[in-house]
Amino acid sequence: GVETIGMWAFRWCKELTSIRIPKSVTLIGEDVFADADKLTIYVYRDSYAAQYCKENNLQYSFID
């Protein structure tokens, strides 16, 4: 599974509206979602991705 999302991976993806980050991700690079203003990131509770979104004030929702 995916473990890292590299720096600027989705930067400037202005039309990207959603992405689901698996529990296996333990590292997300700098400015990965910069300028992706329409994006909602779907994350698992208590995951690295959830913490990343919270710390970076990104719009996210939990996967149930």
PDB file of N, CA and C in Angstrom:
ATOM      1  N   GLY A   1       0.817  -1.188   0.000  1.00  0.00           N
ATOM      2  CA  GLY A   1       0.000   0.000   0.000  1.00  0.00           C
ATOM      3  C   GLY A   1       0.858   1.248   0.000  1.00  0.00           C
ATOM      4  N   VAL A   2       0.226   2.329  -0.223  1.00  0.00           N
ATOM      5  CA  VAL A   2       0.876   3.630  -0.236  1.00  0.00           C
ATOM      6  C   VAL A   2       1.301   3.995   1.189  1.00  0.00           C
ATOM      7  N   GLU A   3       2.551   4.430   1.345  1.00  0.00           N
ATOM      8  CA  GLU A   3       3.046   4.827   2.660  1.00  0.00           C
ATOM      9  C   GLU A   3       3.374   6.312   2.736  1.00  0.00           C
ATOM     10  N   THR A   4       3.728   6.914   1.598  1.00  0.00           N
ATOM     11  CA  THR A   4       4.065   8.333   1.590  1.00  0.00           C
ATOM     12  C   THR A   4       3.398   9.037   0.412  1.00  0.00           C
ATOM     13  N   ILE A   5       3.140  10.321   0.612  1.00  0.00           N
ATOM     14  CA  ILE A   5       2.668  11.192  -0.462  1.00  0.00           C
ATOM     15  C   ILE A   5       3.701  12.302  -0.551  1.00  0.00           C
ATOM     16  N   GLY A   6       4.380  12.371  -1.662  1.00  0.00           N
ATOM     17  CA  GLY A   6       5.499  13.290  -1.831  1.00  0.00           C
ATOM     18  C   GLY A   6       5.113  14.748  -1.921  1.00  0.00           C
ATOM     19  N   MET A   7       6.101  15.586  -1.664  1.00  0.00           N
ATOM     20  CA  MET A   7       5.946  17.031  -1.694  1.00  0.00           C
ATOM     21  C   MET A   7       5.320  17.483  -3.017  1.00  0.00           C
ATOM     22  N   TRP A   8       4.322  18.338  -2.910  1.00  0.00           N
ATOM     23  CA  TRP A   8       3.612  18.948  -4.043  1.00  0.00           C
ATOM     24  C   TRP A   8       2.854  17.958  -4.928  1.00  0.00           C
ATOM     25  N   ALA A   9       2.575  16.777  -4.455  1.00  0.00           N
ATOM     26  CA  ALA A   9       1.927  15.736  -5.267  1.00  0.00           C
ATOM     27  C   ALA A   9       0.633  16.209  -5.928  1.00  0.00           C
ATOM     28  N   PHE A  10      -0.182  16.970  -5.210  1.00  0.00           N
ATOM     29  CA  PHE A  10      -1.459  17.417  -5.764  1.00  0.00           C
ATOM     30  C   PHE A  10      -1.551  18.937  -5.816  1.00  0.00           C
ATOM     31  N   ARG A  11      -0.416  19.594  -5.738  1.00  0.00           N
ATOM     32  CA  ARG A  11      -0.414  21.056  -5.790  1.00  0.00           C
ATOM     33  C   ARG A  11      -0.924  21.520  -7.154  1.00  0.00           C
ATOM     34  N   TRP A  12      -1.683  22.572  -7.128  1.00  0.00           N
ATOM     35  CA  TRP A  12      -2.278  23.187  -8.323  1.00  0.00           C
ATOM     36  C   TRP A  12      -3.346  22.314  -8.985  1.00  0.00           C
ATOM     37  N   CYS A  13      -3.837  21.318  -8.296  1.00  0.00           N
ATOM     38  CA  CYS A  13      -4.931  20.494  -8.830  1.00  0.00           C
ATOM     39  C   CYS A  13      -6.249  21.156  -8.439  1.00  0.00           C
ATOM     40  N   LYS A  14      -6.518  22.270  -9.061  1.00  0.00           N
ATOM     41  CA  LYS A  14      -7.655  23.101  -8.689  1.00  0.00           C
ATOM     42  C   LYS A  14      -9.014  22.432  -8.890  1.00  0.00           C
ATOM     43  N   GLU A  15      -9.098  21.459  -9.759  1.00  0.00           N
ATOM     44  CA  GLU A  15     -10.374  20.782 -10.019  1.00  0.00           C
ATOM     45  C   GLU A  15     -10.539  19.490  -9.220  1.00  0.00           C
ATOM     46  N   LEU A  16      -9.530  19.108  -8.459  1.00  0.00           N
ATOM     47  CA  LEU A  16      -9.607  17.905  -7.624  1.00  0.00           C
ATOM     48  C   LEU A  16     -10.593  18.164  -6.493  1.00  0.00           C
ATOM     49  N   THR A  17     -11.620  17.308  -6.367  1.00  0.00           N
ATOM     50  CA  THR A  17     -12.647  17.544  -5.353  1.00  0.00           C
ATOM     51  C   THR A  17     -12.574  16.585  -4.177  1.00  0.00           C
ATOM     52  N   SER A  18     -11.985  15.411  -4.358  1.00  0.00           N
ATOM     53  CA  SER A  18     -11.886  14.482  -3.230  1.00  0.00           C
ATOM     54  C   SER A  18     -10.714  13.533  -3.411  1.00  0.00           C
ATOM     55  N   ILE A  19     -10.197  13.108  -2.269  1.00  0.00           N
ATOM     56  CA  ILE A  19      -9.131  12.117  -2.258  1.00  0.00           C
ATOM     57  C   ILE A  19      -9.281  11.305  -0.969  1.00  0.00           C
ATOM     58  N   ARG A  20      -9.016  10.040  -1.068  1.00  0.00           N
ATOM     59  CA  ARG A  20      -9.096   9.141   0.089  1.00  0.00           C
ATOM     60  C   ARG A  20      -7.679   8.689   0.429  1.00  0.00           C
ATOM     61  N   ILE A  21      -7.260   8.934   1.663  1.00  0.00           N
ATOM     62  CA  ILE A  21      -5.907   8.572   2.080  1.00  0.00           C
ATOM     63  C   ILE A  21      -5.976   7.320   2.955  1.00  0.00           C
ATOM     64  N   PRO A  22      -5.315   6.258   2.545  1.00  0.00           N
ATOM     65  CA  PRO A  22      -5.374   5.008   3.312  1.00  0.00           C
ATOM     66  C   PRO A  22      -4.640   5.101   4.650  1.00  0.00           C
ATOM     67  N   LYS A  23      -4.971   4.189   5.543  1.00  0.00           N
ATOM     68  CA  LYS A  23      -4.340   4.134   6.859  1.00  0.00           C
ATOM     69  C   LYS A  23      -2.840   3.900   6.756  1.00  0.00           C
ATOM     70  N   SER A  24      -2.406   3.312   5.674  1.00  0.00           N
ATOM     71  CA  SER A  24      -0.992   2.964   5.514  1.00  0.00           C
ATOM     72  C   SER A  24      -0.084   4.175   5.338  1.00  0.00           C
ATOM     73  N   VAL A  25      -0.643   5.350   5.031  1.00  0.00           N
ATOM     74  CA  VAL A  25       0.172   6.550   4.827  1.00  0.00           C
ATOM     75  C   VAL A  25       0.697   7.053   6.173  1.00  0.00           C
ATOM     76  N   THR A  26       2.023   7.188   6.250  1.00  0.00           N
ATOM     77  CA  THR A  26       2.659   7.649   7.484  1.00  0.00           C
ATOM     78  C   THR A  26       3.499   8.905   7.265  1.00  0.00           C
ATOM     79  N   LEU A  27       3.501   9.415   6.040  1.00  0.00           N
ATOM     80  CA  LEU A  27       4.240  10.638   5.754  1.00  0.00           C
ATOM     81  C   LEU A  27       3.574  11.373   4.591  1.00  0.00           C
ATOM     82  N   ILE A  28       3.306  12.652   4.804  1.00  0.00           N
ATOM     83  CA  ILE A  28       2.753  13.513   3.758  1.00  0.00           C
ATOM     84  C   ILE A  28       3.687  14.708   3.637  1.00  0.00           C
ATOM     85  N   GLY A  29       4.169  14.950   2.434  1.00  0.00           N
ATOM     86  CA  GLY A  29       5.151  16.007   2.192  1.00  0.00           C
ATOM     87  C   GLY A  29       4.582  17.410   2.290  1.00  0.00           C
ATOM     88  N   GLU A  30       5.456  18.347   2.129  1.00  0.00           N
ATOM     89  CA  GLU A  30       5.133  19.766   2.228  1.00  0.00           C
ATOM     90  C   GLU A  30       4.267  20.230   1.059  1.00  0.00           C
ATOM     91  N   ASP A  31       3.282  21.036   1.361  1.00  0.00           N
ATOM     92  CA  ASP A  31       2.410  21.671   0.355  1.00  0.00           C
ATOM     93  C   ASP A  31       1.777  20.690  -0.624  1.00  0.00           C
ATOM     94  N   VAL A  32       1.469  19.496  -0.162  1.00  0.00           N
ATOM     95  CA  VAL A  32       0.886  18.472  -1.034  1.00  0.00           C
ATOM     96  C   VAL A  32      -0.441  18.940  -1.629  1.00  0.00           C
ATOM     97  N   PHE A  33      -1.246  19.646  -0.834  1.00  0.00           N
ATOM     98  CA  PHE A  33      -2.576  20.038  -1.290  1.00  0.00           C
ATOM     99  C   PHE A  33      -2.718  21.537  -1.508  1.00  0.00           C
ATOM    100  N   ALA A  34      -1.605  22.247  -1.647  1.00  0.00           N
ATOM    101  CA  ALA A  34      -1.650  23.701  -1.856  1.00  0.00           C
ATOM    102  C   ALA A  34      -2.424  24.029  -3.128  1.00  0.00           C
ATOM    103  N   ASP A  35      -3.287  25.007  -3.034  1.00  0.00           N
ATOM    104  CA  ASP A  35      -4.089  25.502  -4.160  1.00  0.00           C
ATOM    105  C   ASP A  35      -5.163  24.532  -4.645  1.00  0.00           C
ATOM    106  N   ALA A  36      -5.415  23.467  -3.913  1.00  0.00           N
ATOM    107  CA  ALA A  36      -6.509  22.541  -4.253  1.00  0.00           C
ATOM    108  C   ALA A  36      -7.720  22.955  -3.413  1.00  0.00           C
ATOM    109  N   ASP A  37      -8.301  24.088  -3.769  1.00  0.00           N
ATOM    110  CA  ASP A  37      -9.318  24.746  -2.946  1.00  0.00           C
ATOM    111  C   ASP A  37     -10.647  24.003  -2.838  1.00  0.00           C
ATOM    112  N   LYS A  38     -10.971  23.157  -3.794  1.00  0.00           N
ATOM    113  CA  LYS A  38     -12.250  22.447  -3.801  1.00  0.00           C
ATOM    114  C   LYS A  38     -12.153  21.079  -3.146  1.00  0.00           C
ATOM    115  N   LEU A  39     -11.013  20.757  -2.593  1.00  0.00           N
ATOM    116  CA  LEU A  39     -10.699  19.411  -2.135  1.00  0.00           C
ATOM    117  C   LEU A  39     -11.249  19.090  -0.749  1.00  0.00           C
ATOM    118  N   THR A  40     -11.878  17.912  -0.643  1.00  0.00           N
ATOM    119  CA  THR A  40     -12.198  17.309   0.646  1.00  0.00           C
ATOM    120  C   THR A  40     -11.351  16.044   0.736  1.00  0.00           C
ATOM    121  N   ILE A  41     -10.624  15.909   1.839  1.00  0.00           N
ATOM    122  CA  ILE A  41      -9.744  14.769   2.033  1.00  0.00           C
ATOM    123  C   ILE A  41     -10.443  13.791   2.968  1.00  0.00           C
ATOM    124  N   TYR A  42     -10.584  12.551   2.533  1.00  0.00           N
ATOM    125  CA  TYR A  42     -11.231  11.518   3.340  1.00  0.00           C
ATOM    126  C   TYR A  42     -10.155  10.703   4.032  1.00  0.00           C
ATOM    127  N   VAL A  43     -10.259  10.655   5.370  1.00  0.00           N
ATOM    128  CA  VAL A  43      -9.235  10.023   6.195  1.00  0.00           C
ATOM    129  C   VAL A  43      -9.878   9.110   7.232  1.00  0.00           C
ATOM    130  N   TYR A  44      -9.072   8.228   7.792  1.00  0.00           N
ATOM    131  CA  TYR A  44      -9.518   7.366   8.882  1.00  0.00           C
ATOM    132  C   TYR A  44      -9.244   8.058  10.210  1.00  0.00           C
ATOM    133  N   ARG A  45     -10.143   7.864  11.153  1.00  0.00           N
ATOM    134  CA  ARG A  45      -9.950   8.424  12.496  1.00  0.00           C
ATOM    135  C   ARG A  45      -8.631   7.934  13.072  1.00  0.00           C
ATOM    136  N   ASP A  46      -7.986   8.776  13.826  1.00  0.00           N
ATOM    137  CA  ASP A  46      -6.733   8.433  14.513  1.00  0.00           C
ATOM    138  C   ASP A  46      -5.619   8.025  13.558  1.00  0.00           C
ATOM    139  N   SER A  47      -5.683   8.489  12.329  1.00  0.00           N
ATOM    140  CA  SER A  47      -4.629   8.169  11.361  1.00  0.00           C
ATOM    141  C   SER A  47      -3.670   9.352  11.234  1.00  0.00           C
ATOM    142  N   TYR A  48      -2.524   9.077  10.640  1.00  0.00           N
ATOM    143  CA  TYR A  48      -1.556  10.140  10.375  1.00  0.00           C
ATOM    144  C   TYR A  48      -2.196  11.213   9.487  1.00  0.00           C
ATOM    145  N   ALA A  49      -2.947  10.791   8.491  1.00  0.00           N
ATOM    146  CA  ALA A  49      -3.575  11.738   7.562  1.00  0.00           C
ATOM    147  C   ALA A  49      -4.573  12.648   8.273  1.00  0.00           C
ATOM    148  N   ALA A  50      -5.320  12.104   9.210  1.00  0.00           N
ATOM    149  CA  ALA A  50      -6.280  12.921   9.964  1.00  0.00           C
ATOM    150  C   ALA A  50      -5.544  13.988  10.760  1.00  0.00           C
ATOM    151  N   GLN A  51      -4.459  13.610  11.405  1.00  0.00           N
ATOM    152  CA  GLN A  51      -3.668  14.565  12.176  1.00  0.00           C
ATOM    153  C   GLN A  51      -3.053  15.629  11.264  1.00  0.00           C
ATOM    154  N   TYR A  52      -2.562  15.200  10.112  1.00  0.00           N
ATOM    155  CA  TYR A  52      -1.979  16.132   9.141  1.00  0.00           C
ATOM    156  C   TYR A  52      -3.015  17.173   8.708  1.00  0.00           C
ATOM    157  N   CYS A  53      -4.214  16.711   8.378  1.00  0.00           N
ATOM    158  CA  CYS A  53      -5.271  17.626   7.941  1.00  0.00           C
ATOM    159  C   CYS A  53      -5.625  18.617   9.038  1.00  0.00           C
ATOM    160  N   LYS A  54      -5.745  18.114  10.241  1.00  0.00           N
ATOM    161  CA  LYS A  54      -6.090  18.975  11.372  1.00  0.00           C
ATOM    162  C   LYS A  54      -5.013  20.036  11.591  1.00  0.00           C
ATOM    163  N   GLU A  55      -3.759  19.624  11.605  1.00  0.00           N
ATOM    164  CA  GLU A  55      -2.653  20.548  11.843  1.00  0.00           C
ATOM    165  C   GLU A  55      -2.482  21.579  10.731  1.00  0.00           C
ATOM    166  N   ASN A  56      -2.911  21.221   9.519  1.00  0.00           N
ATOM    167  CA  ASN A  56      -2.733  22.109   8.367  1.00  0.00           C
ATOM    168  C   ASN A  56      -4.025  22.792   7.929  1.00  0.00           C
ATOM    169  N   ASN A  57      -5.049  22.710   8.764  1.00  0.00           N
ATOM    170  CA  ASN A  57      -6.334  23.363   8.503  1.00  0.00           C
ATOM    171  C   ASN A  57      -6.917  23.012   7.137  1.00  0.00           C
ATOM    172  N   LEU A  58      -6.873  21.737   6.808  1.00  0.00           N
ATOM    173  CA  LEU A  58      -7.414  21.264   5.537  1.00  0.00           C
ATOM    174  C   LEU A  58      -8.814  20.704   5.752  1.00  0.00           C
ATOM    175  N   GLN A  59      -9.639  20.836   4.735  1.00  0.00           N
ATOM    176  CA  GLN A  59     -11.006  20.309   4.810  1.00  0.00           C
ATOM    177  C   GLN A  59     -10.946  18.791   4.706  1.00  0.00           C
ATOM    178  N   TYR A  60     -11.474  18.109   5.717  1.00  0.00           N
ATOM    179  CA  TYR A  60     -11.438  16.651   5.705  1.00  0.00           C
ATOM    180  C   TYR A  60     -12.719  16.078   6.304  1.00  0.00           C
ATOM    181  N   SER A  61     -12.923  14.809   6.036  1.00  0.00           N
ATOM    182  CA  SER A  61     -14.051  14.080   6.559  1.00  0.00           C
ATOM    183  C   SER A  61     -13.579  12.670   6.881  1.00  0.00           C
ATOM    184  N   PHE A  62     -14.203  12.066   7.882  1.00  0.00           N
ATOM    185  CA  PHE A  62     -13.795  10.722   8.280  1.00  0.00           C
ATOM    186  C   PHE A  62     -14.457   9.651   7.431  1.00  0.00           C
ATOM    187  N   ILE A  63     -13.711   8.622   7.148  1.00  0.00           N
ATOM    188  CA  ILE A  63     -14.220   7.431   6.480  1.00  0.00           C
ATOM    189  C   ILE A  63     -14.791   6.532   7.562  1.00  0.00           C
ATOM    190  N   ASP A  64     -16.040   6.145   7.429  1.00  0.00           N
ATOM    191  CA  ASP A  64     -16.668   5.283   8.435  1.00  0.00           C
ATOM    192  C   ASP A  64     -16.577   3.830   8.078  1.00  0.00           C
TER     193      ASP A  64
END
